[in-house]
């Protein structure tokens, strides 16, 4: 596979060159982001009104980010994988 691309929160139609995607074996993933809801969720987590710790199956140092992404891709072993940063509270 040549590469992976993510398309986040597109509104309206988006012409996609499907022949190029297939020909170059690109893995194209779409997702939608809810800006307002994300801010509310981040605030509630920060205020400890929502506890997400039970959802985090693994915490991995950012230096091993590639390993963390591999782990996160294995749904038989991981639910949510968190990257940790030295000195972060």
PDB file of N, CA and C in Angstrom:
ATOM      1  N   UNK A   1       0.853  -1.174   0.000  1.00  0.00           N
ATOM      2  CA  UNK A   1       0.000   0.000   0.000  1.00  0.00           C
ATOM      3  C   UNK A   1       0.900   1.239   0.000  1.00  0.00           C
ATOM      4  N   UNK A   2       0.565   2.205  -0.813  1.00  0.00           N
ATOM      5  CA  UNK A   2       1.343   3.437  -0.943  1.00  0.00           C
ATOM      6  C   UNK A   2       1.115   4.378   0.230  1.00  0.00           C
ATOM      7  N   UNK A   3      -0.125   4.564   0.638  1.00  0.00           N
ATOM      8  CA  UNK A   3      -0.369   5.517   1.711  1.00  0.00           C
ATOM      9  C   UNK A   3      -1.791   5.497   2.211  1.00  0.00           C
ATOM     10  N   UNK A   4      -2.014   6.285   3.211  1.00  0.00           N
ATOM     11  CA  UNK A   4      -3.339   6.407   3.796  1.00  0.00           C
ATOM     12  C   UNK A   4      -3.683   7.878   3.898  1.00  0.00           C
ATOM     13  N   UNK A   5      -4.910   8.207   3.594  1.00  0.00           N
ATOM     14  CA  UNK A   5      -5.400   9.581   3.680  1.00  0.00           C
ATOM     15  C   UNK A   5      -6.686   9.590   4.488  1.00  0.00           C
ATOM     16  N   UNK A   6      -6.862  10.654   5.260  1.00  0.00           N
ATOM     17  CA  UNK A   6      -8.109  10.836   6.013  1.00  0.00           C
ATOM     18  C   UNK A   6      -8.780  12.105   5.540  1.00  0.00           C
ATOM     19  N   UNK A   7     -10.077  12.019   5.417  1.00  0.00           N
ATOM     20  CA  UNK A   7     -10.887  13.169   5.034  1.00  0.00           C
ATOM     21  C   UNK A   7     -11.777  13.476   6.232  1.00  0.00           C
ATOM     22  N   UNK A   8     -11.590  14.644   6.833  1.00  0.00           N
ATOM     23  CA  UNK A   8     -12.309  14.981   8.058  1.00  0.00           C
ATOM     24  C   UNK A   8     -13.329  16.069   7.779  1.00  0.00           C
ATOM     25  N   UNK A   9     -14.585  15.764   8.069  1.00  0.00           N
ATOM     26  CA  UNK A   9     -15.673  16.731   8.100  1.00  0.00           C
ATOM     27  C   UNK A   9     -15.840  17.549   6.824  1.00  0.00           C
ATOM     28  N   UNK A  10     -16.115  16.864   5.740  1.00  0.00           N
ATOM     29  CA  UNK A  10     -16.393  17.544   4.477  1.00  0.00           C
ATOM     30  C   UNK A  10     -17.880  17.858   4.413  1.00  0.00           C
ATOM     31  N   UNK A  11     -18.206  19.051   3.976  1.00  0.00           N
ATOM     32  CA  UNK A  11     -19.608  19.388   3.755  1.00  0.00           C
ATOM     33  C   UNK A  11     -19.831  19.511   2.258  1.00  0.00           C
ATOM     34  N   UNK A  12     -20.930  19.007   1.805  1.00  0.00           N
ATOM     35  CA  UNK A  12     -21.221  19.052   0.373  1.00  0.00           C
ATOM     36  C   UNK A  12     -20.528  17.922  -0.369  1.00  0.00           C
ATOM     37  N   UNK A  13     -20.634  17.952  -1.685  1.00  0.00           N
ATOM     38  CA  UNK A  13     -20.028  16.922  -2.517  1.00  0.00           C
ATOM     39  C   UNK A  13     -18.540  17.180  -2.690  1.00  0.00           C
ATOM     40  N   UNK A  14     -17.786  16.112  -2.758  1.00  0.00           N
ATOM     41  CA  UNK A  14     -16.347  16.193  -2.960  1.00  0.00           C
ATOM     42  C   UNK A  14     -15.971  15.223  -4.072  1.00  0.00           C
ATOM     43  N   UNK A  15     -15.528  15.738  -5.228  1.00  0.00           N
ATOM     44  CA  UNK A  15     -15.123  14.824  -6.298  1.00  0.00           C
ATOM     45  C   UNK A  15     -13.839  14.097  -5.898  1.00  0.00           C
ATOM     46  N   UNK A  16     -13.881  12.788  -5.962  1.00  0.00           N
ATOM     47  CA  UNK A  16     -12.738  11.978  -5.564  1.00  0.00           C
ATOM     48  C   UNK A  16     -12.243  11.194  -6.778  1.00  0.00           C
ATOM     49  N   UNK A  17     -10.934  11.276  -7.078  1.00  0.00           N
ATOM     50  CA  UNK A  17     -10.372  10.545  -8.221  1.00  0.00           C
ATOM     51  C   UNK A  17     -10.201   9.061  -7.883  1.00  0.00           C
ATOM     52  N   UNK A  18     -11.287   8.306  -7.966  1.00  0.00           N
ATOM     53  CA  UNK A  18     -11.300   6.915  -7.520  1.00  0.00           C
ATOM     54  C   UNK A  18     -10.279   6.058  -8.260  1.00  0.00           C
ATOM     55  N   UNK A  19     -10.053   6.312  -9.567  1.00  0.00           N
ATOM     56  CA  UNK A  19      -9.058   5.522 -10.307  1.00  0.00           C
ATOM     57  C   UNK A  19      -7.660   5.713  -9.730  1.00  0.00           C
ATOM     58  N   UNK A  20      -7.311   6.934  -9.340  1.00  0.00           N
ATOM     59  CA  UNK A  20      -6.010   7.185  -8.733  1.00  0.00           C
ATOM     60  C   UNK A  20      -5.909   6.494  -7.373  1.00  0.00           C
ATOM     61  N   UNK A  21      -6.972   6.563  -6.585  1.00  0.00           N
ATOM     62  CA  UNK A  21      -6.968   5.932  -5.265  1.00  0.00           C
ATOM     63  C   UNK A  21      -6.757   4.433  -5.397  1.00  0.00           C
ATOM     64  N   UNK A  22      -7.477   3.810  -6.332  1.00  0.00           N
ATOM     65  CA  UNK A  22      -7.342   2.368  -6.542  1.00  0.00           C
ATOM     66  C   UNK A  22      -5.971   2.046  -7.131  1.00  0.00           C
ATOM     67  N   UNK A  23      -5.559   2.802  -8.153  1.00  0.00           N
ATOM     68  CA  UNK A  23      -4.291   2.538  -8.826  1.00  0.00           C
ATOM     69  C   UNK A  23      -3.081   2.675  -7.923  1.00  0.00           C
ATOM     70  N   UNK A  24      -3.119   3.610  -7.002  1.00  0.00           N
ATOM     71  CA  UNK A  24      -1.993   3.826  -6.084  1.00  0.00           C
ATOM     72  C   UNK A  24      -2.184   3.097  -4.760  1.00  0.00           C
ATOM     73  N   UNK A  25      -3.251   2.326  -4.660  1.00  0.00           N
ATOM     74  CA  UNK A  25      -3.551   1.541  -3.459  1.00  0.00           C
ATOM     75  C   UNK A  25      -3.584   2.411  -2.206  1.00  0.00           C
ATOM     76  N   UNK A  26      -4.281   3.525  -2.306  1.00  0.00           N
ATOM     77  CA  UNK A  26      -4.414   4.442  -1.174  1.00  0.00           C
ATOM     78  C   UNK A  26      -5.602   4.010  -0.321  1.00  0.00           C
ATOM     79  N   UNK A  27      -5.399   3.961   0.972  1.00  0.00           N
ATOM     80  CA  UNK A  27      -6.468   3.669   1.915  1.00  0.00           C
ATOM     81  C   UNK A  27      -7.097   5.008   2.299  1.00  0.00           C
ATOM     82  N   UNK A  28      -8.321   5.258   1.875  1.00  0.00           N
ATOM     83  CA  UNK A  28      -8.999   6.539   2.095  1.00  0.00           C
ATOM     84  C   UNK A  28     -10.081   6.343   3.144  1.00  0.00           C
ATOM     85  N   UNK A  29      -9.979   7.070   4.252  1.00  0.00           N
ATOM     86  CA  UNK A  29     -10.910   6.916   5.367  1.00  0.00           C
ATOM     87  C   UNK A  29     -11.625   8.234   5.600  1.00  0.00           C
ATOM     88  N   UNK A  30     -12.923   8.180   5.717  1.00  0.00           N
ATOM     89  CA  UNK A  30     -13.700   9.381   6.003  1.00  0.00           C
ATOM     90  C   UNK A  30     -14.165   9.395   7.449  1.00  0.00           C
ATOM     91  N   UNK A  31     -14.230  10.574   8.006  1.00  0.00           N
ATOM     92  CA  UNK A  31     -14.736  10.736   9.364  1.00  0.00           C
ATOM     93  C   UNK A  31     -15.402  12.103   9.462  1.00  0.00           C
ATOM     94  N   UNK A  32     -16.225  12.268  10.454  1.00  0.00           N
ATOM     95  CA  UNK A  32     -16.902  13.546  10.640  1.00  0.00           C
ATOM     96  C   UNK A  32     -16.578  14.060  12.032  1.00  0.00           C
ATOM     97  N   UNK A  33     -16.303  15.323  12.126  1.00  0.00           N
ATOM     98  CA  UNK A  33     -15.927  15.942  13.398  1.00  0.00           C
ATOM     99  C   UNK A  33     -17.024  16.929  13.781  1.00  0.00           C
ATOM    100  N   UNK A  34     -17.424  16.886  15.015  1.00  0.00           N
ATOM    101  CA  UNK A  34     -18.436  17.796  15.533  1.00  0.00           C
ATOM    102  C   UNK A  34     -17.740  18.816  16.430  1.00  0.00           C
ATOM    103  N   UNK A  35     -17.461  19.997  15.890  1.00  0.00           N
ATOM    104  CA  UNK A  35     -16.656  21.002  16.583  1.00  0.00           C
ATOM    105  C   UNK A  35     -17.240  21.370  17.950  1.00  0.00           C
ATOM    106  N   UNK A  36     -18.507  21.732  17.986  1.00  0.00           N
ATOM    107  CA  UNK A  36     -19.103  22.181  19.248  1.00  0.00           C
ATOM    108  C   UNK A  36     -19.141  21.055  20.274  1.00  0.00           C
ATOM    109  N   UNK A  37     -19.505  19.857  19.835  1.00  0.00           N
ATOM    110  CA  UNK A  37     -19.584  18.734  20.758  1.00  0.00           C
ATOM    111  C   UNK A  37     -18.207  18.372  21.308  1.00  0.00           C
ATOM    112  N   UNK A  38     -17.172  18.500  20.478  1.00  0.00           N
ATOM    113  CA  UNK A  38     -15.818  18.189  20.926  1.00  0.00           C
ATOM    114  C   UNK A  38     -15.410  19.127  22.060  1.00  0.00           C
ATOM    115  N   UNK A  39     -15.697  20.406  21.920  1.00  0.00           N
ATOM    116  CA  UNK A  39     -15.353  21.383  22.958  1.00  0.00           C
ATOM    117  C   UNK A  39     -16.087  21.068  24.260  1.00  0.00           C
ATOM    118  N   UNK A  40     -17.353  20.714  24.164  1.00  0.00           N
ATOM    119  CA  UNK A  40     -18.132  20.366  25.360  1.00  0.00           C
ATOM    120  C   UNK A  40     -17.548  19.116  26.012  1.00  0.00           C
ATOM    121  N   UNK A  41     -17.243  18.103  25.204  1.00  0.00           N
ATOM    122  CA  UNK A  41     -16.681  16.864  25.746  1.00  0.00           C
ATOM    123  C   UNK A  41     -15.342  17.124  26.429  1.00  0.00           C
ATOM    124  N   UNK A  42     -14.474  17.916  25.803  1.00  0.00           N
ATOM    125  CA  UNK A  42     -13.170  18.228  26.396  1.00  0.00           C
ATOM    126  C   UNK A  42     -13.342  18.952  27.728  1.00  0.00           C
ATOM    127  N   UNK A  43     -14.295  19.868  27.792  1.00  0.00           N
ATOM    128  CA  UNK A  43     -14.543  20.605  29.041  1.00  0.00           C
ATOM    129  C   UNK A  43     -15.040  19.660  30.135  1.00  0.00           C
ATOM    130  N   UNK A  44     -15.987  18.785  29.795  1.00  0.00           N
ATOM    131  CA  UNK A  44     -16.537  17.855  30.782  1.00  0.00           C
ATOM    132  C   UNK A  44     -15.479  16.885  31.295  1.00  0.00           C
ATOM    133  N   UNK A  45     -14.590  16.447  30.401  1.00  0.00           N
ATOM    134  CA  UNK A  45     -13.494  15.573  30.823  1.00  0.00           C
ATOM    135  C   UNK A  45     -12.541  16.348  31.724  1.00  0.00           C
ATOM    136  N   UNK A  46     -12.200  17.575  31.342  1.00  0.00           N
ATOM    137  CA  UNK A  46     -11.295  18.417  32.135  1.00  0.00           C
ATOM    138  C   UNK A  46     -11.857  18.684  33.524  1.00  0.00           C
ATOM    139  N   UNK A  47     -13.167  18.882  33.603  1.00  0.00           N
ATOM    140  CA  UNK A  47     -13.831  19.138  34.885  1.00  0.00           C
ATOM    141  C   UNK A  47     -14.077  17.853  35.671  1.00  0.00           C
ATOM    142  N   UNK A  48     -13.683  16.737  35.120  1.00  0.00           N
ATOM    143  CA  UNK A  48     -13.868  15.408  35.715  1.00  0.00           C
ATOM    144  C   UNK A  48     -15.334  15.061  35.943  1.00  0.00           C
ATOM    145  N   UNK A  49     -16.186  15.617  35.104  1.00  0.00           N
ATOM    146  CA  UNK A  49     -17.608  15.259  35.171  1.00  0.00           C
ATOM    147  C   UNK A  49     -17.873  14.010  34.350  1.00  0.00           C
ATOM    148  N   UNK A  50     -16.951  13.690  33.446  1.00  0.00           N
ATOM    149  CA  UNK A  50     -16.995  12.445  32.680  1.00  0.00           C
ATOM    150  C   UNK A  50     -15.659  11.751  32.897  1.00  0.00           C
ATOM    151  N   UNK A  51     -15.705  10.474  33.267  1.00  0.00           N
ATOM    152  CA  UNK A  51     -14.490   9.699  33.505  1.00  0.00           C
ATOM    153  C   UNK A  51     -14.265   8.768  32.317  1.00  0.00           C
ATOM    154  N   UNK A  52     -13.257   9.067  31.513  1.00  0.00           N
ATOM    155  CA  UNK A  52     -12.982   8.248  30.327  1.00  0.00           C
ATOM    156  C   UNK A  52     -11.937   7.166  30.606  1.00  0.00           C
ATOM    157  N   UNK A  53     -11.396   7.130  31.803  1.00  0.00           N
ATOM    158  CA  UNK A  53     -10.345   6.152  32.113  1.00  0.00           C
ATOM    159  C   UNK A  53     -10.748   4.710  31.826  1.00  0.00           C
ATOM    160  N   UNK A  54     -11.996   4.295  32.089  1.00  0.00           N
ATOM    161  CA  UNK A  54     -12.352   2.911  31.771  1.00  0.00           C
ATOM    162  C   UNK A  54     -12.283   2.584  30.268  1.00  0.00           C
ATOM    163  N   UNK A  55     -12.302   3.602  29.427  1.00  0.00           N
ATOM    164  CA  UNK A  55     -12.236   3.378  27.981  1.00  0.00           C
ATOM    165  C   UNK A  55     -10.808   3.209  27.480  1.00  0.00           C
ATOM    166  N   UNK A  56      -9.822   3.660  28.259  1.00  0.00           N
ATOM    167  CA  UNK A  56      -8.424   3.632  27.831  1.00  0.00           C
ATOM    168  C   UNK A  56      -7.816   2.291  28.225  1.00  0.00           C
ATOM    169  N   UNK A  57      -7.515   1.480  27.209  1.00  0.00           N
ATOM    170  CA  UNK A  57      -6.949   0.159  27.483  1.00  0.00           C
ATOM    171  C   UNK A  57      -5.435   0.204  27.642  1.00  0.00           C
ATOM    172  N   UNK A  58      -4.778   1.180  26.996  1.00  0.00           N
ATOM    173  CA  UNK A  58      -3.321   1.256  27.038  1.00  0.00           C
ATOM    174  C   UNK A  58      -2.864   2.709  26.987  1.00  0.00           C
ATOM    175  N   UNK A  59      -1.750   2.992  27.657  1.00  0.00           N
ATOM    176  CA  UNK A  59      -1.076   4.288  27.570  1.00  0.00           C
ATOM    177  C   UNK A  59       0.344   4.017  27.098  1.00  0.00           C
ATOM    178  N   UNK A  60       0.747   4.705  26.031  1.00  0.00           N
ATOM    179  CA  UNK A  60       2.032   4.441  25.389  1.00  0.00           C
ATOM    180  C   UNK A  60       2.793   5.759  25.255  1.00  0.00           C
ATOM    181  N   UNK A  61       4.099   5.772  25.584  1.00  0.00           N
ATOM    182  CA  UNK A  61       4.883   7.003  25.403  1.00  0.00           C
ATOM    183  C   UNK A  61       4.889   7.437  23.936  1.00  0.00           C
ATOM    184  N   UNK A  62       4.851   8.737  23.706  1.00  0.00           N
ATOM    185  CA  UNK A  62       4.802   9.266  22.342  1.00  0.00           C
ATOM    186  C   UNK A  62       5.994   8.786  21.516  1.00  0.00           C
ATOM    187  N   UNK A  63       7.107   8.477  22.171  1.00  0.00           N
ATOM    188  CA  UNK A  63       8.278   7.971  21.449  1.00  0.00           C
ATOM    189  C   UNK A  63       7.980   6.654  20.739  1.00  0.00           C
ATOM    190  N   UNK A  64       6.969   5.921  21.193  1.00  0.00           N
ATOM    191  CA  UNK A  64       6.566   4.662  20.557  1.00  0.00           C
ATOM    192  C   UNK A  64       5.218   4.827  19.861  1.00  0.00           C
ATOM    193  N   UNK A  65       5.021   5.972  19.220  1.00  0.00           N
ATOM    194  CA  UNK A  65       3.740   6.257  18.564  1.00  0.00           C
ATOM    195  C   UNK A  65       3.396   5.223  17.501  1.00  0.00           C
ATOM    196  N   UNK A  66       4.380   4.767  16.737  1.00  0.00           N
ATOM    197  CA  UNK A  66       4.088   3.762  15.707  1.00  0.00           C
ATOM    198  C   UNK A  66       3.553   2.482  16.330  1.00  0.00           C
ATOM    199  N   UNK A  67       4.160   2.059  17.432  1.00  0.00           N
ATOM    200  CA  UNK A  67       3.660   0.887  18.137  1.00  0.00           C
ATOM    201  C   UNK A  67       2.270   1.117  18.700  1.00  0.00           C
ATOM    202  N   UNK A  68       2.020   2.335  19.176  1.00  0.00           N
ATOM    203  CA  UNK A  68       0.697   2.671  19.711  1.00  0.00           C
ATOM    204  C   UNK A  68      -0.369   2.586  18.629  1.00  0.00           C
ATOM    205  N   UNK A  69      -0.053   3.091  17.435  1.00  0.00           N
ATOM    206  CA  UNK A  69      -1.023   3.016  16.343  1.00  0.00           C
ATOM    207  C   UNK A  69      -1.261   1.571  15.916  1.00  0.00           C
ATOM    208  N   UNK A  70      -0.212   0.761  15.915  1.00  0.00           N
ATOM    209  CA  UNK A  70      -0.383  -0.660  15.591  1.00  0.00           C
ATOM    210  C   UNK A  70      -1.279  -1.328  16.628  1.00  0.00           C
ATOM    211  N   UNK A  71      -1.041  -1.032  17.893  1.00  0.00           N
ATOM    212  CA  UNK A  71      -1.866  -1.583  18.969  1.00  0.00           C
ATOM    213  C   UNK A  71      -3.311  -1.124  18.831  1.00  0.00           C
ATOM    214  N   UNK A  72      -3.510   0.159  18.565  1.00  0.00           N
ATOM    215  CA  UNK A  72      -4.869   0.701  18.429  1.00  0.00           C
ATOM    216  C   UNK A  72      -5.618   0.055  17.271  1.00  0.00           C
ATOM    217  N   UNK A  73      -4.897  -0.373  16.256  1.00  0.00           N
ATOM    218  CA  UNK A  73      -5.536  -1.012  15.109  1.00  0.00           C
ATOM    219  C   UNK A  73      -5.963  -2.437  15.362  1.00  0.00           C
ATOM    220  N   UNK A  74      -5.524  -3.021  16.461  1.00  0.00           N
ATOM    221  CA  UNK A  74      -5.870  -4.405  16.804  1.00  0.00           C
ATOM    222  C   UNK A  74      -7.001  -4.396  17.825  1.00  0.00           C
ATOM    223  N   UNK A  75      -8.218  -4.438  17.348  1.00  0.00           N
ATOM    224  CA  UNK A  75      -9.395  -4.345  18.229  1.00  0.00           C
ATOM    225  C   UNK A  75      -9.538  -5.541  19.165  1.00  0.00           C
ATOM    226  N   UNK A  76      -8.815  -6.630  18.904  1.00  0.00           N
ATOM    227  CA  UNK A  76      -8.873  -7.770  19.820  1.00  0.00           C
ATOM    228  C   UNK A  76      -8.024  -7.518  21.068  1.00  0.00           C
ATOM    229  N   UNK A  77      -7.122  -6.519  21.012  1.00  0.00           N
ATOM    230  CA  UNK A  77      -6.226  -6.231  22.128  1.00  0.00           C
ATOM    231  C   UNK A  77      -6.443  -4.873  22.768  1.00  0.00           C
ATOM    232  N   UNK A  78      -7.041  -3.936  22.043  1.00  0.00           N
ATOM    233  CA  UNK A  78      -7.111  -2.567  22.566  1.00  0.00           C
ATOM    234  C   UNK A  78      -8.464  -1.936  22.279  1.00  0.00           C
ATOM    235  N   UNK A  79      -8.895  -1.079  23.194  1.00  0.00           N
ATOM    236  CA  UNK A  79     -10.109  -0.298  22.980  1.00  0.00           C
ATOM    237  C   UNK A  79      -9.717   1.108  22.543  1.00  0.00           C
ATOM    238  N   UNK A  80      -9.087   1.864  23.439  1.00  0.00           N
ATOM    239  CA  UNK A  80      -8.559   3.193  23.129  1.00  0.00           C
ATOM    240  C   UNK A  80      -7.128   3.247  23.645  1.00  0.00           C
ATOM    241  N   UNK A  81      -6.224   3.702  22.784  1.00  0.00           N
ATOM    242  CA  UNK A  81      -4.816   3.806  23.156  1.00  0.00           C
ATOM    243  C   UNK A  81      -4.475   5.283  23.296  1.00  0.00           C
ATOM    244  N   UNK A  82      -3.895   5.629  24.422  1.00  0.00           N
ATOM    245  CA  UNK A  82      -3.561   7.021  24.740  1.00  0.00           C
ATOM    246  C   UNK A  82      -2.055   7.225  24.607  1.00  0.00           C
ATOM    247  N   UNK A  83      -1.657   8.290  23.899  1.00  0.00           N
ATOM    248  CA  UNK A  83      -0.247   8.665  23.853  1.00  0.00           C
ATOM    249  C   UNK A  83       0.067   9.509  25.077  1.00  0.00           C
ATOM    250  N   UNK A  84       1.185   9.223  25.730  1.00  0.00           N
ATOM    251  CA  UNK A  84       1.602  10.005  26.889  1.00  0.00           C
ATOM    252  C   UNK A  84       2.839  10.823  26.526  1.00  0.00           C
ATOM    253  N   UNK A  85       2.969  11.969  27.162  1.00  0.00           N
ATOM    254  CA  UNK A  85       4.076  12.883  26.914  1.00  0.00           C
ATOM    255  C   UNK A  85       4.810  13.115  28.223  1.00  0.00           C
ATOM    256  N   UNK A  86       6.136  13.037  28.209  1.00  0.00           N
ATOM    257  CA  UNK A  86       6.938  13.235  29.423  1.00  0.00           C
ATOM    258  C   UNK A  86       6.636  14.601  30.019  1.00  0.00           C
ATOM    259  N   UNK A  87       6.424  14.628  31.314  1.00  0.00           N
ATOM    260  CA  UNK A  87       6.169  15.886  31.998  1.00  0.00           C
ATOM    261  C   UNK A  87       4.734  16.363  31.915  1.00  0.00           C
ATOM    262  N   UNK A  88       3.878  15.649  31.186  1.00  0.00           N
ATOM    263  CA  UNK A  88       2.469  16.064  31.078  1.00  0.00           C
ATOM    264  C   UNK A  88       1.734  15.666  32.344  1.00  0.00           C
ATOM    265  N   UNK A  89       0.856  16.525  32.765  1.00  0.00           N
ATOM    266  CA  UNK A  89       0.078  16.253  33.982  1.00  0.00           C
ATOM    267  C   UNK A  89      -1.155  15.457  33.655  1.00  0.00           C
TER     268      UNK A  89
END
